[in-house]
Amino acid sequence: MAKTDVDDEYGLKPSELYGKNTWKIKKFSQISKREFASSVFEIGGYSWHILMYPEGCDVSNHLSLFLCVANHDELLPGWSQLAQFTISVMHKDPKKSKFSDTLHRFWKKEHDWGWKKFMELPKLRDGFIDDSGCLTIETKVQVIRDRVDRPFFLDYGYKTEIVRVYFRNIEQIFLRFVEERRSKLEKLIEDKAKWTSFGVFWLGMDKNSRREMSREKMDVILKGFVKHFFMENVVTSPIAMDCLYNGLKDLEVQTKNKKASPKLLDDKELPAPFVKVDRDMFVLVDDDVLLLLERAALLERAAPEPLPPKDDKALQNRIKEDKDEEDINKEAYEICLNEWGRRTVEIFVLDHIFSKIEVAYKEAIALKRQEELIREEEETSKRSKVLKKGFGKCRLN
């Protein structure tokens, strides 16, 4: 996602949609309250607090933690807000800290969300409570505003943190989508009769019609992204949407700078693009749709298996040498997913445009079949009249 900080239509900058809060609970072991709330903190135009149950909420022997909209009873009827958040119980060794993250739409009846069994209470004694008896809880909240032109903006730093956890999940979402579409095209091409018929239909269209069929408005595609890739109960959805948006931005840059040559992880050039951006439209790079579909059907067979970023020397060479290992891994994940996002965008657009052409093709086939049936009925009717006339002459004789 571009790291710009321009006000959105709500008057909030992207940086104001994300925030952190640290809650230090002194003398944690001496807390006698059933529930305990943090101070209120402001993120994304909302007031929040953490609600803690030191001995569990409806469970025993567990620490329960929830993120709550603190002023939910003051908000207008019908309010709702999507947010992704992480709650961490900090360890003396930060690498051993216990964290959980989730995606939730907060509203009147679900203004608090979290984990009844965040962690077992005996484990707190294993380095989570410091020498002074203090327990530290850190919360990160990303308020998500789904806009067509900047879908599901995520703070860059927060995204790189959670990408490490869900890297393979998101990669598989993109791989599965591309493979499903590639397989669909492969089956069409393998059906020689249908592929030939489709080719005759496409080449039989006039140039202007082919041109109009080979493009689609960007907002239509972006809405399609949201419908296909975003599910409110799946924590990886905002990350996937963010990577798709980055892939779109890369595609726009490549369109403006044709000399740019994006690389794969093994430092080979990416396949020639299928799609370019023309103002507010996606346009196929070639009027020869048949050739583009054939290329797409072979795409994944020609692509190398992605390597784990930490083992990919070629990828690490593309990252500045002055960064430490953690920053290298973060940027490596970013590059991998953005490249898969770009490829997925192209295949999504190609599949969308092909689906439009396929509908027109099926309508043309249906119309042709209907005309054939009408001709058959007319010929049958003529033959029937001739037979009746002949039969009548036989009776007169």
Protein backbone atom coordinates (compact mmCIF):
# COMPACT_ATOMS: atom_id res chain seq x y z
CA MET A 1 0.00 0.00 0.00
CA ALA A 2 1.30 3.44 -0.78
CA LYS A 3 2.59 5.17 2.33
CA THR A 4 0.72 8.42 1.69
CA ASP A 5 -1.06 10.22 4.50
CA VAL A 6 -3.82 12.12 2.69
CA ASP A 7 -7.11 12.86 4.45
CA ASP A 8 -9.96 10.53 3.50
CA GLU A 9 -13.61 11.51 3.23
CA TYR A 10 -13.99 11.13 6.99
CA GLY A 11 -11.33 13.76 7.66
CA LEU A 12 -8.87 11.20 9.09
CA LYS A 13 -5.40 10.56 7.73
CA PRO A 14 -4.40 6.92 7.10
CA SER A 15 -1.92 7.18 9.99
CA GLU A 16 -4.84 8.03 12.30
CA LEU A 17 -6.65 4.79 11.40
CA TYR A 18 -3.96 2.77 13.17
CA GLY A 19 -2.60 3.05 16.68
CA LYS A 20 -1.01 1.28 19.64
CA ASN A 21 -1.74 1.28 23.34
CA THR A 22 0.39 -0.06 26.18
CA TRP A 23 -1.32 -0.97 29.46
CA LYS A 24 0.93 -1.63 32.44
CA ILE A 25 -0.92 -3.36 35.28
CA LYS A 26 1.00 -2.96 38.51
CA LYS A 27 0.77 -5.64 41.22
CA PHE A 28 -1.21 -7.86 38.88
CA SER A 29 -1.25 -10.80 41.31
CA GLN A 30 -3.04 -8.67 43.92
CA ILE A 31 -6.00 -7.74 41.70
CA SER A 32 -9.23 -8.92 43.32
CA LYS A 33 -11.73 -7.54 40.80
CA ARG A 34 -13.61 -9.95 38.55
CA GLU A 35 -13.12 -7.59 35.62
CA PHE A 36 -10.70 -4.77 35.08
CA ALA A 37 -10.67 -2.10 32.36
CA SER A 38 -7.78 -0.11 30.92
CA SER A 39 -7.82 3.61 30.38
CA VAL A 40 -9.60 4.79 27.23
CA PHE A 41 -7.47 5.40 24.12
CA GLU A 42 -8.42 6.97 20.78
CA ILE A 43 -7.78 5.30 17.40
CA GLY A 44 -9.51 5.84 14.06
CA GLY A 45 -12.14 8.19 15.42
CA TYR A 46 -13.29 5.73 18.10
CA SER A 47 -12.69 5.42 21.83
CA TRP A 48 -11.43 2.01 22.95
CA HIS A 49 -10.43 0.20 26.10
CA ILE A 50 -9.24 -3.27 27.01
CA LEU A 51 -11.44 -5.33 29.31
CA MET A 52 -9.55 -7.95 31.30
CA TYR A 53 -10.87 -10.82 33.42
CA PRO A 54 -7.91 -11.82 35.64
CA GLU A 55 -9.46 -15.19 36.49
CA GLY A 56 -11.41 -15.78 33.28
CA CYS A 57 -14.77 -14.81 31.76
CA ASP A 58 -17.12 -17.81 31.95
CA VAL A 59 -14.01 -20.01 32.13
CA SER A 60 -11.60 -20.86 34.91
CA ASN A 61 -7.83 -20.76 35.15
CA HIS A 62 -7.48 -18.47 32.13
CA LEU A 63 -6.79 -14.82 31.45
CA SER A 64 -9.61 -13.33 29.31
CA LEU A 65 -9.00 -10.21 27.19
CA PHE A 66 -11.39 -8.17 25.03
CA LEU A 67 -11.18 -4.99 22.94
CA CYS A 68 -14.22 -2.78 23.56
CA VAL A 69 -15.67 0.35 21.96
CA ALA A 70 -15.68 2.48 25.08
CA ASN A 71 -18.35 4.98 24.01
CA HIS A 72 -20.63 2.54 22.17
CA ASP A 73 -23.73 3.76 24.02
CA GLU A 74 -23.12 7.32 22.74
CA LEU A 75 -22.86 6.42 19.04
CA LEU A 76 -25.65 6.93 16.53
CA PRO A 77 -28.09 4.06 15.90
CA GLY A 78 -26.94 1.72 13.16
CA TRP A 79 -23.22 2.41 13.66
CA SER A 80 -20.70 -0.27 12.80
CA GLN A 81 -16.96 -0.35 12.29
CA LEU A 82 -14.64 -3.00 10.89
CA ALA A 83 -11.31 -3.31 12.70
CA GLN A 84 -8.37 -5.66 12.79
CA PHE A 85 -6.54 -5.82 16.10
CA THR A 86 -3.82 -7.62 18.00
CA ILE A 87 -3.61 -8.02 21.77
CA SER A 88 -0.28 -9.10 23.25
CA VAL A 89 0.76 -10.07 26.75
CA MET A 90 4.39 -9.05 26.84
CA HIS A 91 7.16 -11.38 28.00
CA LYS A 92 10.52 -10.36 29.45
CA ASP A 93 11.90 -11.74 26.20
CA PRO A 94 9.81 -9.93 23.54
CA LYS A 95 10.12 -12.91 21.18
CA LYS A 96 8.21 -15.06 23.70
CA SER A 97 5.29 -12.63 24.07
CA LYS A 98 1.83 -14.17 23.67
CA PHE A 99 -0.38 -12.50 21.07
CA SER A 100 -3.67 -13.10 19.27
CA ASP A 101 -5.19 -11.13 16.41
CA THR A 102 -8.57 -11.08 14.73
CA LEU A 103 -10.88 -9.17 12.41
CA HIS A 104 -14.24 -8.03 13.68
CA ARG A 105 -17.08 -5.68 12.78
CA PHE A 106 -18.03 -3.83 15.94
CA TRP A 107 -21.64 -2.73 16.33
CA LYS A 108 -24.26 -2.17 19.03
CA LYS A 109 -24.68 -5.82 20.06
CA GLU A 110 -21.04 -6.77 19.50
CA HIS A 111 -19.17 -3.75 20.80
CA ASP A 112 -16.58 -5.96 22.53
CA TRP A 113 -14.59 -8.80 21.03
CA GLY A 114 -11.67 -10.95 22.08
CA TRP A 115 -10.66 -14.18 23.75
CA LYS A 116 -12.06 -15.92 26.83
CA LYS A 117 -9.09 -18.29 26.85
CA PHE A 118 -6.34 -15.89 25.89
CA MET A 119 -3.79 -17.84 27.93
CA GLU A 120 -3.62 -20.11 30.96
CA LEU A 121 -3.00 -18.29 34.22
CA PRO A 122 -0.09 -20.49 35.44
CA LYS A 123 1.88 -19.52 32.31
CA LEU A 124 1.90 -15.88 33.42
CA ARG A 125 4.47 -16.78 36.05
CA ASP A 126 6.85 -17.93 33.32
CA GLY A 127 8.36 -14.55 32.47
CA PHE A 128 5.22 -12.52 31.73
CA ILE A 129 5.07 -10.76 35.09
CA ASP A 130 8.20 -8.69 35.64
CA ASP A 131 10.24 -8.47 38.82
CA SER A 132 8.09 -5.61 40.15
CA GLY A 133 4.87 -7.64 39.67
CA CYS A 134 3.75 -5.68 36.59
CA LEU A 135 1.91 -7.28 33.66
CA THR A 136 2.12 -5.40 30.35
CA ILE A 137 -0.59 -5.69 27.69
CA GLU A 138 -0.02 -4.11 24.27
CA THR A 139 -2.86 -3.50 21.83
CA LYS A 140 -2.65 -2.60 18.14
CA VAL A 141 -5.82 -1.51 16.35
CA GLN A 142 -6.30 -0.96 12.62
CA VAL A 143 -9.62 0.69 11.79
CA ILE A 144 -10.55 -0.41 8.27
CA ARG A 145 -12.53 1.79 5.90
CA ASP A 146 -13.41 0.00 2.70
CA ARG A 147 -13.17 2.46 -0.17
CA VAL A 148 -13.23 1.47 -3.84
CA ASP A 149 -10.30 3.71 -4.74
CA ARG A 150 -8.17 2.71 -1.72
CA PRO A 151 -9.60 -0.60 -0.54
CA PHE A 152 -8.81 -1.75 2.97
CA PHE A 153 -5.88 0.48 3.79
CA LEU A 154 -3.51 -1.10 6.33
CA ASP A 155 -0.72 0.65 8.18
CA TYR A 156 2.52 -0.47 6.55
CA GLY A 157 4.25 -1.37 9.80
CA TYR A 158 1.28 -3.31 11.16
CA LYS A 159 0.80 -5.16 7.90
CA THR A 160 4.43 -6.29 7.74
CA GLU A 161 4.10 -7.66 11.27
CA ILE A 162 1.03 -9.79 10.62
CA VAL A 163 2.14 -10.81 7.12
CA ARG A 164 4.88 -12.88 8.73
CA VAL A 165 2.23 -14.92 10.51
CA TYR A 166 -0.12 -15.34 7.54
CA PHE A 167 2.29 -15.27 4.60
CA ARG A 168 1.59 -18.82 3.39
CA ASN A 169 -2.16 -18.46 3.91
CA ILE A 170 -2.35 -15.36 1.72
CA GLU A 171 -0.01 -16.81 -0.88
CA GLN A 172 -2.25 -19.87 -1.13
CA ILE A 173 -5.34 -17.68 -1.62
CA PHE A 174 -3.68 -16.10 -4.67
CA LEU A 175 -2.20 -19.37 -5.96
CA ARG A 176 -5.55 -21.15 -5.66
CA PHE A 177 -7.40 -18.39 -7.52
CA VAL A 178 -4.86 -18.24 -10.37
CA GLU A 179 -4.76 -22.03 -10.68
CA GLU A 180 -8.57 -22.32 -10.79
CA ARG A 181 -8.78 -19.76 -13.60
CA ARG A 182 -5.84 -21.28 -15.46
CA SER A 183 -7.42 -24.75 -15.24
CA LYS A 184 -10.73 -23.37 -16.54
CA LEU A 185 -9.00 -21.92 -19.61
CA GLU A 186 -6.97 -25.07 -20.15
CA LYS A 187 -10.13 -27.19 -20.30
CA LEU A 188 -11.69 -24.79 -22.80
CA ILE A 189 -8.62 -24.90 -25.06
CA GLU A 190 -8.41 -28.70 -24.83
CA ASP A 191 -11.99 -28.91 -26.16
CA LYS A 192 -10.91 -28.38 -29.78
CA ALA A 193 -14.43 -28.05 -31.20
CA LYS A 194 -15.50 -25.45 -28.63
CA TRP A 195 -12.20 -23.56 -28.82
CA THR A 196 -12.43 -23.40 -32.62
CA SER A 197 -16.05 -22.24 -32.40
CA PHE A 198 -15.10 -19.58 -29.85
CA GLY A 199 -12.26 -18.40 -32.10
CA VAL A 200 -14.57 -18.10 -35.11
CA PHE A 201 -17.01 -16.08 -32.99
CA TRP A 202 -14.32 -13.69 -31.70
CA LEU A 203 -12.62 -13.14 -35.05
CA GLY A 204 -16.01 -12.64 -36.65
CA MET A 205 -16.73 -9.60 -34.50
CA ASP A 206 -15.98 -6.17 -35.91
CA LYS A 207 -12.95 -4.28 -34.60
CA ASN A 208 -14.91 -1.77 -32.53
CA SER A 209 -16.90 -4.50 -30.81
CA ARG A 210 -13.71 -6.40 -29.95
CA ARG A 211 -12.20 -3.20 -28.59
CA GLU A 212 -15.18 -2.54 -26.32
CA MET A 213 -15.23 -6.13 -25.11
CA SER A 214 -11.51 -6.01 -24.26
CA ARG A 215 -11.82 -3.41 -21.50
CA GLU A 216 -13.56 -2.86 -18.17
CA LYS A 217 -13.95 0.03 -15.73
CA MET A 218 -11.59 -0.06 -12.76
CA ASP A 219 -14.30 0.50 -10.16
CA VAL A 220 -16.18 -2.56 -11.45
CA ILE A 221 -13.03 -4.68 -11.04
CA LEU A 222 -12.25 -3.24 -7.60
CA LYS A 223 -15.76 -4.06 -6.40
CA GLY A 224 -15.22 -7.53 -7.82
CA PHE A 225 -12.02 -7.86 -5.75
CA VAL A 226 -13.93 -7.07 -2.58
CA LYS A 227 -16.74 -9.48 -3.38
CA HIS A 228 -14.38 -12.35 -4.19
CA PHE A 229 -11.46 -11.92 -1.79
CA PHE A 230 -12.93 -10.24 1.28
CA MET A 231 -14.78 -12.13 4.00
CA GLU A 232 -15.40 -10.36 7.29
CA ASN A 233 -14.77 -13.45 9.40
CA VAL A 234 -11.37 -14.21 7.82
CA VAL A 235 -8.44 -12.40 9.43
CA THR A 236 -6.27 -12.60 6.28
CA SER A 237 -8.82 -10.78 4.10
CA PRO A 238 -7.61 -7.19 4.70
CA ILE A 239 -4.00 -8.23 4.06
CA ALA A 240 -4.98 -9.96 0.82
CA MET A 241 -6.91 -6.87 -0.28
CA ASP A 242 -3.95 -4.64 0.56
CA CYS A 243 -1.61 -6.84 -1.49
CA LEU A 244 -4.03 -6.78 -4.43
CA TYR A 245 -4.11 -3.00 -4.24
CA ASN A 246 -0.30 -2.92 -4.24
CA GLY A 247 -0.33 -5.24 -7.23
CA LEU A 248 -2.66 -2.81 -8.97
CA LYS A 249 -0.32 0.09 -8.21
CA ASP A 250 2.63 -1.89 -9.65
CA LEU A 251 0.58 -2.54 -12.79
CA GLU A 252 -0.19 1.17 -13.13
CA VAL A 253 3.50 2.04 -12.74
CA GLN A 254 4.46 -0.52 -15.37
CA THR A 255 1.86 0.89 -17.75
CA LYS A 256 3.29 4.40 -17.35
CA ASN A 257 6.89 3.21 -17.56
CA LYS A 258 7.05 0.52 -20.23
CA LYS A 259 10.81 0.27 -19.76
CA ALA A 260 10.30 -1.09 -16.25
CA SER A 261 10.82 -4.83 -16.06
CA PRO A 262 9.57 -6.41 -12.81
CA LYS A 263 11.47 -9.50 -11.69
CA LEU A 264 10.46 -12.82 -10.23
CA LEU A 265 12.13 -14.08 -7.07
CA ASP A 266 14.86 -15.90 -9.03
CA ASP A 267 15.64 -12.59 -10.78
CA LYS A 268 14.00 -13.61 -14.04
CA GLU A 269 11.63 -11.19 -15.70
CA LEU A 270 7.94 -11.59 -15.08
CA PRO A 271 5.91 -12.80 -18.07
CA ALA A 272 4.71 -10.05 -20.41
CA PRO A 273 1.62 -8.40 -18.90
CA PHE A 274 -1.91 -9.34 -19.93
CA VAL A 275 -3.45 -6.06 -18.83
CA LYS A 276 -2.64 -2.35 -18.86
CA VAL A 277 -4.29 0.63 -17.19
CA ASP A 278 -5.81 3.37 -19.35
CA ARG A 279 -7.15 6.20 -17.15
CA ASP A 280 -10.09 4.61 -15.31
CA MET A 281 -10.13 1.44 -17.41
CA PHE A 282 -8.41 -1.93 -17.46
CA VAL A 283 -7.53 -2.84 -21.04
CA LEU A 284 -6.14 -6.08 -22.46
CA VAL A 285 -2.67 -5.45 -23.91
CA ASP A 286 -3.52 -7.18 -27.17
CA ASP A 287 -6.65 -7.44 -29.32
CA ASP A 288 -5.72 -11.08 -29.86
CA VAL A 289 -7.75 -12.41 -26.92
CA LEU A 290 -7.19 -15.98 -28.09
CA LEU A 291 -3.42 -15.60 -27.69
CA LEU A 292 -3.78 -14.02 -24.24
CA LEU A 293 -6.03 -16.84 -23.06
CA GLU A 294 -3.56 -19.43 -24.34
CA ARG A 295 -0.74 -17.64 -22.51
CA ALA A 296 -2.77 -17.53 -19.29
CA ALA A 297 -3.53 -21.25 -19.56
CA LEU A 298 0.23 -21.96 -19.57
CA LEU A 299 1.22 -19.30 -17.03
CA GLU A 300 1.60 -21.33 -13.87
CA ARG A 301 3.34 -24.22 -15.60
CA ALA A 302 6.06 -21.79 -16.64
CA ALA A 303 6.37 -20.05 -13.25
CA PRO A 304 8.83 -21.31 -10.62
CA GLU A 305 7.65 -22.42 -7.21
CA PRO A 306 7.97 -19.44 -4.82
CA LEU A 307 10.83 -19.86 -2.35
CA PRO A 308 10.67 -19.00 1.37
CA PRO A 309 11.98 -15.42 1.56
CA LYS A 310 14.58 -16.26 4.21
CA ASP A 311 16.21 -18.76 1.81
CA ASP A 312 15.94 -16.63 -1.30
CA LYS A 313 19.34 -15.00 -1.89
CA ALA A 314 18.27 -13.31 -5.14
CA LEU A 315 15.35 -11.66 -3.37
CA GLN A 316 17.52 -10.49 -0.48
CA ASN A 317 19.95 -8.92 -2.94
CA ARG A 318 17.10 -6.62 -4.02
CA ILE A 319 16.78 -5.26 -0.49
CA LYS A 320 19.04 -2.58 0.94
CA GLU A 321 22.13 -3.99 2.61
CA ASP A 322 21.92 -1.69 5.64
CA LYS A 323 18.77 -3.42 6.98
CA ASP A 324 18.84 -5.99 9.79
CA GLU A 325 17.58 -9.56 9.36
CA GLU A 326 14.09 -8.79 10.68
CA ASP A 327 13.62 -5.87 8.27
CA ILE A 328 14.95 -7.99 5.40
CA ASN A 329 12.39 -10.70 6.12
CA LYS A 330 9.57 -8.14 6.36
CA GLU A 331 10.44 -6.59 3.01
CA ALA A 332 10.94 -10.02 1.45
CA TYR A 333 7.41 -11.04 2.41
CA GLU A 334 6.13 -7.71 1.07
CA ILE A 335 7.81 -8.22 -2.31
CA CYS A 336 6.58 -11.80 -2.62
CA LEU A 337 2.96 -10.98 -1.86
CA ASN A 338 2.89 -7.84 -3.99
CA GLU A 339 4.13 -9.83 -6.98
CA TRP A 340 1.45 -12.45 -6.40
CA GLY A 341 -1.07 -9.63 -5.94
CA ARG A 342 -0.08 -8.13 -9.29
CA ARG A 343 -0.40 -11.46 -11.05
CA THR A 344 -3.76 -12.12 -9.42
CA VAL A 345 -5.03 -8.69 -10.51
CA GLU A 346 -4.11 -9.47 -14.11
CA ILE A 347 -5.74 -12.89 -14.09
CA PHE A 348 -8.82 -11.48 -12.35
CA VAL A 349 -9.22 -8.80 -15.04
CA LEU A 350 -8.56 -11.27 -17.86
CA ASP A 351 -11.07 -13.73 -16.40
CA HIS A 352 -13.68 -10.98 -15.94
CA ILE A 353 -13.33 -9.80 -19.54
CA PHE A 354 -13.29 -13.37 -20.84
CA SER A 355 -16.51 -14.07 -18.89
CA LYS A 356 -18.19 -11.13 -20.66
CA ILE A 357 -17.03 -12.41 -24.05
CA GLU A 358 -18.11 -15.95 -23.13
CA VAL A 359 -21.63 -14.70 -22.31
CA ALA A 360 -21.81 -13.00 -25.70
CA TYR A 361 -20.48 -16.17 -27.34
CA LYS A 362 -23.12 -18.35 -25.64
CA GLU A 363 -25.85 -15.91 -26.64
CA ALA A 364 -24.62 -16.01 -30.24
CA ILE A 365 -24.58 -19.83 -30.19
CA ALA A 366 -28.08 -19.90 -28.69
CA LEU A 367 -29.32 -17.43 -31.32
CA LYS A 368 -27.71 -19.46 -34.09
CA ARG A 369 -29.30 -22.65 -32.74
CA GLN A 370 -32.66 -20.89 -32.53
CA GLU A 371 -32.36 -19.78 -36.16
CA GLU A 372 -31.47 -23.32 -37.19
CA LEU A 373 -34.52 -24.67 -35.36
CA ILE A 374 -36.75 -22.09 -37.08
CA ARG A 375 -35.32 -23.09 -40.49
CA GLU A 376 -35.84 -26.76 -39.67
CA GLU A 377 -39.45 -26.07 -38.69
CA GLU A 378 -40.02 -24.09 -41.90
CA GLU A 379 -38.51 -26.89 -44.03
CA THR A 380 -40.56 -29.48 -42.16
CA SER A 381 -43.66 -27.41 -42.72
CA LYS A 382 -42.90 -27.09 -46.46
CA ARG A 383 -42.33 -30.84 -46.79
CA SER A 384 -45.56 -31.49 -44.94
CA LYS A 385 -47.52 -29.22 -47.30
CA VAL A 386 -45.98 -30.92 -50.33
CA LEU A 387 -46.87 -34.35 -48.97
CA LYS A 388 -50.42 -33.28 -48.22
CA LYS A 389 -50.81 -31.83 -51.71
CA GLY A 390 -49.47 -35.00 -53.27
CA PHE A 391 -51.71 -37.15 -51.11
CA GLY A 392 -54.74 -35.09 -52.19
CA LYS A 393 -53.95 -35.65 -55.89
CA CYS A 394 -53.65 -39.40 -55.29
CA ARG A 395 -57.13 -39.46 -53.75
CA LEU A 396 -58.64 -37.58 -56.74
CA ASN A 397 -57.13 -40.04 -59.15
